[in-house]
Amino acid sequence: MAQTLGPVASLLLGVFFLVSGSGLQGTLLPLRGAYEGFSAVNLGILGSSYYLGFVAGCLIVPRLVRRAGHIRSFAALTAGAIAAMLAHAIFFEPVVWFVLRTITGFCFAGLYLVIESWLNDRATNKTRGLVMSVYVMVDYVALTVGQMLVTVYPVKGFEPFALATMLFALAMLPVTITKAGQPSPIEAARIRPMRLLKAAPVAMVGCFIIGLTNGSLWSLGPIFGIGRGLTADGAATFMSAVVAAGALAQWPIGRFSDRMDRRIMLSGLLGGAALAGLALGLVPASVTGLTLLCILGALFGSLALPAYSLTAAHAYDRTPPQEAVETAAGVLLAYGIGSIAGPSVASVTMAHYGPGTLFLFTAACHASFMCFVLWNLRRERSAKTVAPEMAPAAPVGMVGVPEPETRMEAPPAGPAPLSGS
């Protein structure tokens, strides 16, 4: 394990600081926006604005990585996120915040692209589930820490904005001074989502649907808590329970997924997440309290949040290792497109039918994705059964029909410096 994770330890430390600041920012902005009188629809658009920039970043940042490399791109994009964060504390107008969130989304798309392509450059198909689960676990632990930091200072003050900015700045230190080499420069900055859709349809469809659900959760989860009668601190505690449970579930799920078809485990998680979402959405407001919401939220988080790491790992399983940047961009692009639509749709339903519809929306999305995964598995198994009957007889020693579930192996890591978020 140390041999697998050691070369990317400094990157994971940078992820911790970066996502801690993002968690604080993501919880602070809806709460401060509500304090400033922003409507529920404005808060939904605020979340969608972030992912609009996220999609733009997926399309443009690969060229930046090709030109400047992973480390300098990480530093430049973090600097942009810092500037946008400080600007939120100066201008309290919805339209200005929409623009600033778009800039932040652009920067974070690039940061996640750098991080995930770097991590997957160092992973093989035998270790990818572990690497991605540790990365997502660090991500969610940091997110929990960041969300709880919103309780340290009043949301109406400047201090939370300053604290988030400090965390963003700290993220640059371990990445820019690391002794480990960065991945080799990429030869081309291509984005071919249709090619990735053909190679890994579950990954592309799944990242889009997970974008719908996670984008809605991050943008409107605190508003759900307030709508159920929680204070700002209570809403932060609820969100932290969701994320902490998701973080704890990453390790065992990632380890087990390396030993089986990831889609089998994924379908089970999605079914459970749909049921947990129904419970959160349908529980009567008269019986909800912080403890009950945290229990249901933890159950939801442990089932729903690991879905991204499994879905992304499935994409990297199905594509050559030298295309890690292109695969990361395609996965994040699908996630970002889903996340543009998710908060806007969920916010409209919440405004008309109450806060519980947030989780009814996620339940419908998770159930739909589960059905697609099961259909995909059945289709491939049917093709696997029919193909040998249609293939011509081959002499002994010739290679037969390739197994659909065969995964491409990345070359083993050697003693050289890192050659490959």
Protein backbone atom coordinates (compact mmCIF):
# COMPACT_ATOMS: atom_id res chain seq x y z
CA MET A 1 0.00 0.00 0.00
CA ALA A 2 2.82 2.41 0.91
CA GLN A 3 4.47 1.67 -2.43
CA THR A 4 1.22 2.45 -4.24
CA LEU A 5 0.28 5.64 -2.36
CA GLY A 6 3.69 7.02 -1.41
CA PRO A 7 4.49 8.69 -4.76
CA VAL A 8 1.20 10.63 -4.66
CA ALA A 9 1.16 11.49 -0.94
CA SER A 10 2.00 15.16 -1.53
CA LEU A 11 -0.75 15.40 -4.14
CA LEU A 12 -3.27 13.89 -1.72
CA LEU A 13 -2.20 16.41 0.96
CA GLY A 14 -2.84 19.21 -1.51
CA VAL A 15 -6.23 17.66 -2.25
CA PHE A 16 -7.06 17.74 1.46
CA PHE A 17 -6.40 21.49 1.79
CA LEU A 18 -8.06 22.29 -1.53
CA VAL A 19 -11.26 20.36 -0.82
CA SER A 20 -11.44 21.62 2.78
CA GLY A 21 -11.60 25.13 1.36
CA SER A 22 -14.13 24.01 -1.24
CA GLY A 23 -16.31 22.35 1.41
CA LEU A 24 -16.31 25.53 3.47
CA GLN A 25 -17.09 27.60 0.39
CA GLY A 26 -19.84 25.25 -0.84
CA THR A 27 -21.67 25.37 2.50
CA LEU A 28 -20.99 29.04 3.20
CA LEU A 29 -22.27 30.50 -0.06
CA PRO A 30 -25.85 29.09 0.03
CA LEU A 31 -26.17 30.05 3.71
CA ARG A 32 -24.76 33.55 3.15
CA GLY A 33 -26.86 33.91 0.02
CA ALA A 34 -30.00 33.05 2.00
CA TYR A 35 -28.93 35.60 4.64
CA GLU A 36 -28.54 38.23 1.90
CA GLY A 37 -32.05 37.47 0.59
CA PHE A 38 -31.25 35.31 -2.45
CA SER A 39 -34.26 33.27 -3.59
CA ALA A 40 -34.23 29.45 -3.77
CA VAL A 41 -34.09 29.67 -7.57
CA ASN A 42 -31.10 32.04 -7.37
CA LEU A 43 -29.34 29.57 -5.10
CA GLY A 44 -30.05 26.80 -7.61
CA ILE A 45 -28.66 28.92 -10.44
CA LEU A 46 -25.63 29.59 -8.26
CA GLY A 47 -24.95 25.86 -8.14
CA SER A 48 -25.52 25.49 -11.88
CA SER A 49 -23.17 28.41 -12.58
CA TYR A 50 -20.37 26.53 -10.88
CA TYR A 51 -20.90 23.55 -13.15
CA LEU A 52 -21.23 25.71 -16.25
CA GLY A 53 -17.68 26.84 -15.57
CA PHE A 54 -16.81 23.23 -14.74
CA VAL A 55 -17.83 22.08 -18.22
CA ALA A 56 -15.87 24.91 -19.84
CA GLY A 57 -12.83 23.90 -17.81
CA CYS A 58 -13.09 20.30 -18.98
CA LEU A 59 -12.95 21.50 -22.59
CA ILE A 60 -10.19 24.11 -22.23
CA VAL A 61 -7.87 23.04 -19.42
CA PRO A 62 -6.34 20.01 -21.23
CA ARG A 63 -4.63 22.53 -23.51
CA LEU A 64 -3.27 24.34 -20.45
CA VAL A 65 -1.93 21.08 -19.03
CA ARG A 66 -0.30 20.28 -22.36
CA ARG A 67 1.36 23.69 -22.43
CA ALA A 68 2.35 24.19 -18.79
CA GLY A 69 2.42 20.72 -17.22
CA HIS A 70 0.52 19.39 -14.24
CA ILE A 71 2.24 21.28 -11.42
CA ARG A 72 2.18 24.77 -12.93
CA SER A 73 -1.40 24.24 -14.10
CA PHE A 74 -2.36 23.28 -10.54
CA ALA A 75 -0.76 26.44 -9.15
CA ALA A 76 -2.36 28.74 -11.74
CA LEU A 77 -5.85 27.32 -11.31
CA THR A 78 -5.61 27.48 -7.51
CA ALA A 79 -4.65 31.15 -7.77
CA GLY A 80 -7.79 31.79 -9.84
CA ALA A 81 -9.95 30.05 -7.22
CA ILE A 82 -8.38 32.23 -4.50
CA ALA A 83 -9.18 35.45 -6.36
CA ALA A 84 -12.79 34.40 -6.97
CA MET A 85 -13.26 33.41 -3.32
CA LEU A 86 -12.15 36.82 -2.07
CA ALA A 87 -14.39 38.59 -4.57
CA HIS A 88 -17.45 36.86 -3.07
CA ALA A 89 -16.79 38.74 0.16
CA ILE A 90 -16.86 42.12 -1.61
CA PHE A 91 -19.84 41.86 -3.97
CA PHE A 92 -23.17 40.56 -2.67
CA GLU A 93 -25.23 40.58 -5.87
CA PRO A 94 -26.66 37.35 -7.34
CA VAL A 95 -25.44 38.07 -10.89
CA VAL A 96 -21.91 38.79 -9.68
CA TRP A 97 -21.90 35.61 -7.65
CA PHE A 98 -23.08 33.66 -10.71
CA VAL A 99 -20.01 34.91 -12.62
CA LEU A 100 -17.67 34.21 -9.72
CA ARG A 101 -19.03 30.69 -9.29
CA THR A 102 -18.54 30.09 -13.01
CA ILE A 103 -14.88 31.10 -12.63
CA THR A 104 -14.53 28.86 -9.59
CA GLY A 105 -16.07 25.93 -11.47
CA PHE A 106 -13.64 26.45 -14.35
CA CYS A 107 -10.69 26.38 -11.96
CA PHE A 108 -11.88 23.31 -10.09
CA ALA A 109 -12.57 21.36 -13.27
CA GLY A 110 -8.95 21.90 -14.19
CA LEU A 111 -7.75 21.02 -10.70
CA TYR A 112 -9.71 17.77 -10.62
CA LEU A 113 -8.50 16.94 -14.13
CA VAL A 114 -4.88 17.42 -13.04
CA ILE A 115 -5.41 15.42 -9.84
CA GLU A 116 -7.30 12.47 -11.34
CA SER A 117 -5.09 12.09 -14.41
CA TRP A 118 -2.01 12.24 -12.16
CA LEU A 119 -3.37 9.56 -9.83
CA ASN A 120 -4.45 7.26 -12.63
CA ASP A 121 -1.10 7.61 -14.34
CA ARG A 122 0.34 5.90 -11.26
CA ALA A 123 -2.33 3.20 -10.94
CA THR A 124 -2.90 -0.14 -12.65
CA ASN A 125 -6.19 -1.96 -13.00
CA LYS A 126 -5.22 -4.06 -9.97
CA THR A 127 -4.71 -1.00 -7.75
CA ARG A 128 -7.02 1.57 -9.32
CA GLY A 129 -9.95 0.85 -7.01
CA LEU A 130 -7.68 1.37 -3.99
CA VAL A 131 -6.10 4.55 -5.35
CA MET A 132 -9.42 6.08 -6.36
CA SER A 133 -11.09 5.09 -3.10
CA VAL A 134 -8.30 6.64 -1.03
CA TYR A 135 -8.47 9.78 -3.16
CA VAL A 136 -12.24 10.06 -2.78
CA MET A 137 -11.96 9.24 0.93
CA VAL A 138 -9.48 12.11 1.38
CA ASP A 139 -11.82 14.26 -0.70
CA TYR A 140 -14.84 13.51 1.50
CA VAL A 141 -12.97 13.77 4.80
CA ALA A 142 -11.71 17.18 3.71
CA LEU A 143 -15.21 18.13 2.58
CA THR A 144 -16.54 17.20 6.02
CA VAL A 145 -13.87 19.27 7.74
CA GLY A 146 -14.61 22.22 5.47
CA GLN A 147 -18.35 22.04 6.07
CA MET A 148 -17.87 21.97 9.83
CA LEU A 149 -15.59 25.02 9.64
CA VAL A 150 -18.65 27.08 8.72
CA THR A 151 -19.69 26.78 12.37
CA VAL A 152 -16.49 28.46 13.62
CA TYR A 153 -17.47 31.99 12.55
CA PRO A 154 -20.85 33.64 11.82
CA VAL A 155 -21.82 33.26 8.16
CA LYS A 156 -22.54 37.01 7.98
CA GLY A 157 -18.90 37.91 8.67
CA PHE A 158 -15.75 38.11 6.54
CA GLU A 159 -13.84 35.45 8.49
CA PRO A 160 -15.26 32.35 6.72
CA PHE A 161 -14.26 33.79 3.34
CA ALA A 162 -10.73 34.46 4.61
CA LEU A 163 -10.45 30.96 6.06
CA ALA A 164 -11.47 29.32 2.77
CA THR A 165 -8.92 31.47 0.94
CA MET A 166 -6.16 30.37 3.33
CA LEU A 167 -6.97 26.72 2.71
CA PHE A 168 -6.81 27.20 -1.06
CA ALA A 169 -3.39 28.83 -0.69
CA LEU A 170 -2.09 25.99 1.49
CA ALA A 171 -3.10 23.48 -1.20
CA MET A 172 -0.38 24.79 -3.51
CA LEU A 173 2.49 24.14 -1.09
CA PRO A 174 2.81 20.32 -1.07
CA VAL A 175 2.13 20.05 -4.81
CA THR A 176 4.59 22.71 -5.97
CA ILE A 177 7.50 21.66 -3.72
CA THR A 178 7.14 17.88 -4.07
CA LYS A 179 10.21 15.82 -4.95
CA ALA A 180 8.10 13.38 -6.93
CA GLY A 181 8.05 13.96 -10.65
CA GLN A 182 4.88 15.00 -12.37
CA PRO A 183 3.30 12.97 -15.19
CA SER A 184 4.93 13.12 -18.58
CA PRO A 185 3.71 15.93 -20.86
CA ILE A 186 0.66 14.95 -22.85
CA GLU A 187 1.10 14.82 -26.61
CA ALA A 188 -2.39 15.97 -27.58
CA ALA A 189 -5.24 17.75 -25.83
CA ARG A 190 -8.14 15.85 -27.35
CA ILE A 191 -11.64 15.56 -25.96
CA ARG A 192 -13.56 12.68 -27.56
CA PRO A 193 -16.60 12.00 -25.37
CA MET A 194 -18.34 9.81 -27.98
CA ARG A 195 -15.30 7.55 -28.13
CA LEU A 196 -15.35 7.22 -24.35
CA LEU A 197 -19.12 6.62 -24.44
CA LYS A 198 -18.57 3.70 -26.80
CA ALA A 199 -15.73 2.25 -24.72
CA ALA A 200 -17.39 2.71 -21.31
CA PRO A 201 -21.09 3.60 -21.61
CA VAL A 202 -21.75 2.95 -17.91
CA ALA A 203 -19.03 5.45 -16.98
CA MET A 204 -20.27 8.27 -19.20
CA VAL A 205 -23.98 7.83 -18.50
CA GLY A 206 -23.21 7.26 -14.83
CA CYS A 207 -21.06 10.36 -14.41
CA PHE A 208 -23.83 12.44 -16.00
CA ILE A 209 -26.46 11.05 -13.60
CA ILE A 210 -24.14 11.30 -10.60
CA GLY A 211 -23.59 14.91 -11.62
CA LEU A 212 -27.35 15.45 -11.43
CA THR A 213 -27.52 14.04 -7.91
CA ASN A 214 -24.26 15.29 -6.40
CA GLY A 215 -24.57 18.75 -7.92
CA SER A 216 -28.01 19.06 -6.35
CA LEU A 217 -26.79 17.71 -3.02
CA TRP A 218 -23.81 20.07 -2.71
CA SER A 219 -25.77 23.12 -3.84
CA LEU A 220 -29.07 22.55 -2.03
CA GLY A 221 -28.36 20.12 0.81
CA PRO A 222 -27.91 22.96 3.36
CA ILE A 223 -31.17 24.53 2.15
CA PHE A 224 -32.93 21.18 2.65
CA GLY A 225 -31.70 21.17 6.24
CA ILE A 226 -32.92 24.70 6.90
CA GLY A 227 -36.25 23.82 5.28
CA ARG A 228 -36.58 20.97 7.78
CA GLY A 229 -36.16 23.42 10.65
CA LEU A 230 -32.42 23.14 11.30
CA THR A 231 -30.19 26.08 12.14
CA ALA A 232 -27.21 26.98 9.95
CA ASP A 233 -24.98 24.93 12.26
CA GLY A 234 -27.47 22.05 12.14
CA ALA A 235 -27.52 22.13 8.34
CA ALA A 236 -23.71 21.97 8.32
CA THR A 237 -23.83 19.02 10.73
CA PHE A 238 -26.33 17.21 8.50
CA MET A 239 -24.14 17.70 5.43
CA SER A 240 -21.08 16.55 7.38
CA ALA A 241 -22.89 13.35 8.39
CA VAL A 242 -23.66 12.65 4.72
CA VAL A 243 -20.08 13.23 3.63
CA ALA A 244 -18.38 11.50 6.58
CA ALA A 245 -20.39 8.32 5.95
CA GLY A 246 -19.50 8.48 2.27
CA ALA A 247 -15.81 8.81 3.16
CA LEU A 248 -15.85 5.83 5.53
CA ALA A 249 -17.53 3.65 2.91
CA GLN A 250 -14.94 4.38 0.23
CA TRP A 251 -12.16 2.09 1.48
CA PRO A 252 -13.97 -1.26 1.70
CA ILE A 253 -16.00 -0.58 -1.43
CA GLY A 254 -12.89 0.37 -3.42
CA ARG A 255 -11.02 -2.73 -2.23
CA PHE A 256 -13.86 -5.10 -3.09
CA SER A 257 -14.42 -3.48 -6.47
CA ASP A 258 -10.87 -4.45 -7.53
CA ARG A 259 -11.90 -8.12 -7.16
CA MET A 260 -15.09 -8.15 -9.24
CA ASP A 261 -16.91 -6.40 -12.05
CA ARG A 262 -17.34 -2.92 -10.59
CA ARG A 263 -20.80 -2.64 -12.14
CA ILE A 264 -22.20 -5.40 -9.92
CA MET A 265 -21.26 -3.52 -6.76
CA LEU A 266 -22.36 -0.25 -8.33
CA SER A 267 -25.88 -1.51 -9.04
CA GLY A 268 -26.31 -2.61 -5.42
CA LEU A 269 -25.17 0.78 -4.11
CA LEU A 270 -27.52 2.62 -6.44
CA GLY A 271 -30.53 0.59 -5.31
CA GLY A 272 -29.73 1.33 -1.68
CA ALA A 273 -29.15 5.01 -2.40
CA ALA A 274 -32.56 5.25 -4.10
CA LEU A 275 -34.28 3.78 -1.03
CA ALA A 276 -32.35 6.07 1.35
CA GLY A 277 -33.30 9.08 -0.78
CA LEU A 278 -36.96 8.09 -0.61
CA ALA A 279 -36.70 7.87 3.17
CA LEU A 280 -35.18 11.36 3.41
CA GLY A 281 -37.71 12.83 1.01
CA LEU A 282 -40.83 11.24 2.45
CA VAL A 283 -40.20 11.39 6.20
CA PRO A 284 -42.79 13.80 7.63
CA ALA A 285 -41.48 17.21 8.65
CA SER A 286 -43.28 16.88 11.97
CA VAL A 287 -41.04 14.02 13.08
CA THR A 288 -37.72 15.17 11.67
CA GLY A 289 -34.97 16.43 13.91
CA LEU A 290 -31.22 16.77 13.68
CA THR A 291 -30.50 13.25 14.95
CA LEU A 292 -32.94 11.50 12.59
CA LEU A 293 -31.82 13.55 9.60
CA CYS A 294 -28.16 12.81 10.35
CA ILE A 295 -28.85 9.07 10.60
CA LEU A 296 -30.75 9.00 7.32
CA GLY A 297 -28.19 11.33 5.74
CA ALA A 298 -25.32 9.05 6.81
CA LEU A 299 -27.10 6.06 5.29
CA PHE A 300 -27.65 7.99 2.06
CA GLY A 301 -24.03 9.18 1.93
CA SER A 302 -22.55 5.72 2.52
CA LEU A 303 -24.50 4.36 -0.46
CA ALA A 304 -24.60 7.28 -2.89
CA LEU A 305 -21.21 8.96 -2.62
CA PRO A 306 -18.96 5.97 -3.46
CA ALA A 307 -20.71 5.68 -6.83
CA TYR A 308 -18.45 8.27 -8.46
CA SER A 309 -15.19 6.49 -7.63
CA LEU A 310 -16.52 3.17 -8.98
CA THR A 311 -17.89 4.79 -12.12
CA ALA A 312 -14.68 6.73 -12.81
CA ALA A 313 -12.50 3.67 -12.14
CA HIS A 314 -14.61 1.72 -14.65
CA ALA A 315 -13.82 4.39 -17.26
CA TYR A 316 -10.07 4.13 -16.64
CA ASP A 317 -10.31 0.32 -16.77
CA ARG A 318 -11.72 0.53 -20.29
CA THR A 319 -9.21 3.05 -21.76
CA PRO A 320 -5.43 2.96 -22.39
CA PRO A 321 -3.27 4.43 -19.58
CA GLN A 322 -1.61 6.95 -21.92
CA GLU A 323 -5.03 8.56 -22.41
CA ALA A 324 -5.50 9.36 -18.70
CA VAL A 325 -5.89 13.12 -19.26
CA GLU A 326 -8.40 12.59 -22.07
CA THR A 327 -10.36 10.07 -19.99
CA ALA A 328 -10.36 12.39 -16.96
CA ALA A 329 -11.62 15.25 -19.12
CA GLY A 330 -14.41 13.10 -20.58
CA VAL A 331 -15.52 11.78 -17.20
CA LEU A 332 -15.51 15.23 -15.62
CA LEU A 333 -17.27 16.71 -18.65
CA ALA A 334 -20.17 14.26 -18.28
CA TYR A 335 -20.28 14.94 -14.53
CA GLY A 336 -20.25 18.69 -15.10
CA ILE A 337 -23.05 18.65 -17.69
CA GLY A 338 -25.23 16.69 -15.29
CA SER A 339 -24.36 19.07 -12.48
CA ILE A 340 -25.49 22.10 -14.50
CA ALA A 341 -29.01 20.71 -14.83
CA GLY A 342 -29.32 19.08 -11.41
CA PRO A 343 -29.39 22.11 -9.06
CA SER A 344 -31.68 24.11 -11.33
CA VAL A 345 -34.25 21.29 -11.69
CA ALA A 346 -34.09 20.38 -8.00
CA SER A 347 -34.40 24.00 -6.86
CA VAL A 348 -37.56 24.52 -8.93
CA THR A 349 -39.18 21.38 -7.50
CA MET A 350 -38.16 22.42 -3.98
CA ALA A 351 -39.69 25.86 -4.47
CA HIS A 352 -43.02 24.35 -5.56
CA TYR A 353 -43.28 21.12 -3.55
CA GLY A 354 -41.06 21.55 -0.51
CA PRO A 355 -37.50 20.69 0.54
CA GLY A 356 -38.08 16.92 0.58
CA THR A 357 -38.27 16.79 -3.21
CA LEU A 358 -34.48 17.25 -3.32
CA PHE A 359 -34.03 13.63 -2.24
CA LEU A 360 -37.00 12.36 -4.23
CA PHE A 361 -35.15 13.75 -7.25
CA THR A 362 -31.92 11.96 -6.30
CA ALA A 363 -33.86 8.71 -5.70
CA ALA A 364 -35.33 8.83 -9.21
CA CYS A 365 -31.87 9.47 -10.69
CA HIS A 366 -30.20 6.63 -8.76
CA ALA A 367 -32.98 4.18 -9.67
CA SER A 368 -32.69 5.11 -13.35
CA PHE A 369 -28.91 4.62 -13.31
CA MET A 370 -29.28 1.25 -11.57
CA CYS A 371 -31.62 0.08 -14.34
CA PHE A 372 -29.12 1.18 -16.98
CA VAL A 373 -26.24 -0.64 -15.27
CA LEU A 374 -28.25 -3.87 -15.02
CA TRP A 375 -29.31 -3.55 -18.67
CA ASN A 376 -25.68 -3.02 -19.72
CA LEU A 377 -24.53 -6.09 -17.78
CA ARG A 378 -27.27 -8.22 -19.32
CA ARG A 379 -26.49 -6.97 -22.83
CA GLU A 380 -22.77 -7.78 -22.51
CA ARG A 381 -23.45 -11.21 -21.07
CA SER A 382 -25.83 -11.94 -23.94
CA ALA A 383 -23.17 -10.87 -26.43
CA LYS A 384 -20.60 -13.03 -24.63
CA THR A 385 -22.90 -16.05 -24.95
CA VAL A 386 -23.78 -15.51 -28.62
CA ALA A 387 -20.35 -14.49 -29.94
CA PRO A 388 -18.61 -17.91 -29.68
CA GLU A 389 -21.47 -19.54 -31.63
CA MET A 390 -21.04 -17.05 -34.48
CA ALA A 391 -17.24 -17.14 -34.58
CA PRO A 392 -15.57 -19.42 -37.17
CA ALA A 393 -13.57 -22.33 -35.88
CA ALA A 394 -9.94 -21.48 -35.24
CA PRO A 395 -6.92 -23.76 -35.09
CA VAL A 396 -5.58 -24.66 -31.68
CA GLY A 397 -3.34 -21.91 -30.36
CA MET A 398 -5.14 -19.01 -32.00
CA VAL A 399 -6.68 -16.27 -29.91
CA GLY A 400 -10.46 -16.56 -29.56
CA VAL A 401 -13.09 -13.91 -29.13
CA PRO A 402 -11.95 -11.37 -26.51
CA GLU A 403 -13.84 -11.28 -23.25
CA PRO A 404 -15.95 -8.11 -22.92
CA GLU A 405 -14.91 -7.73 -19.29
CA THR A 406 -11.16 -7.93 -19.97
CA ARG A 407 -9.54 -4.79 -18.63
CA MET A 408 -6.53 -3.05 -20.10
CA GLU A 409 -3.56 -3.17 -17.77
CA ALA A 410 -1.41 -0.13 -17.29
CA PRO A 411 2.37 -0.80 -17.32
CA PRO A 412 3.74 -1.45 -13.84
CA ALA A 413 5.25 1.49 -12.04
CA GLY A 414 9.03 1.50 -12.22
CA PRO A 415 11.70 3.16 -10.11
CA ALA A 416 11.76 6.25 -12.35
CA PRO A 417 10.10 9.54 -11.26
CA LEU A 418 6.37 9.87 -11.75
CA SER A 419 5.56 9.48 -15.41
CA GLY A 420 1.98 9.78 -15.10
CA SER A 421 -6.72 14.15 -9.16
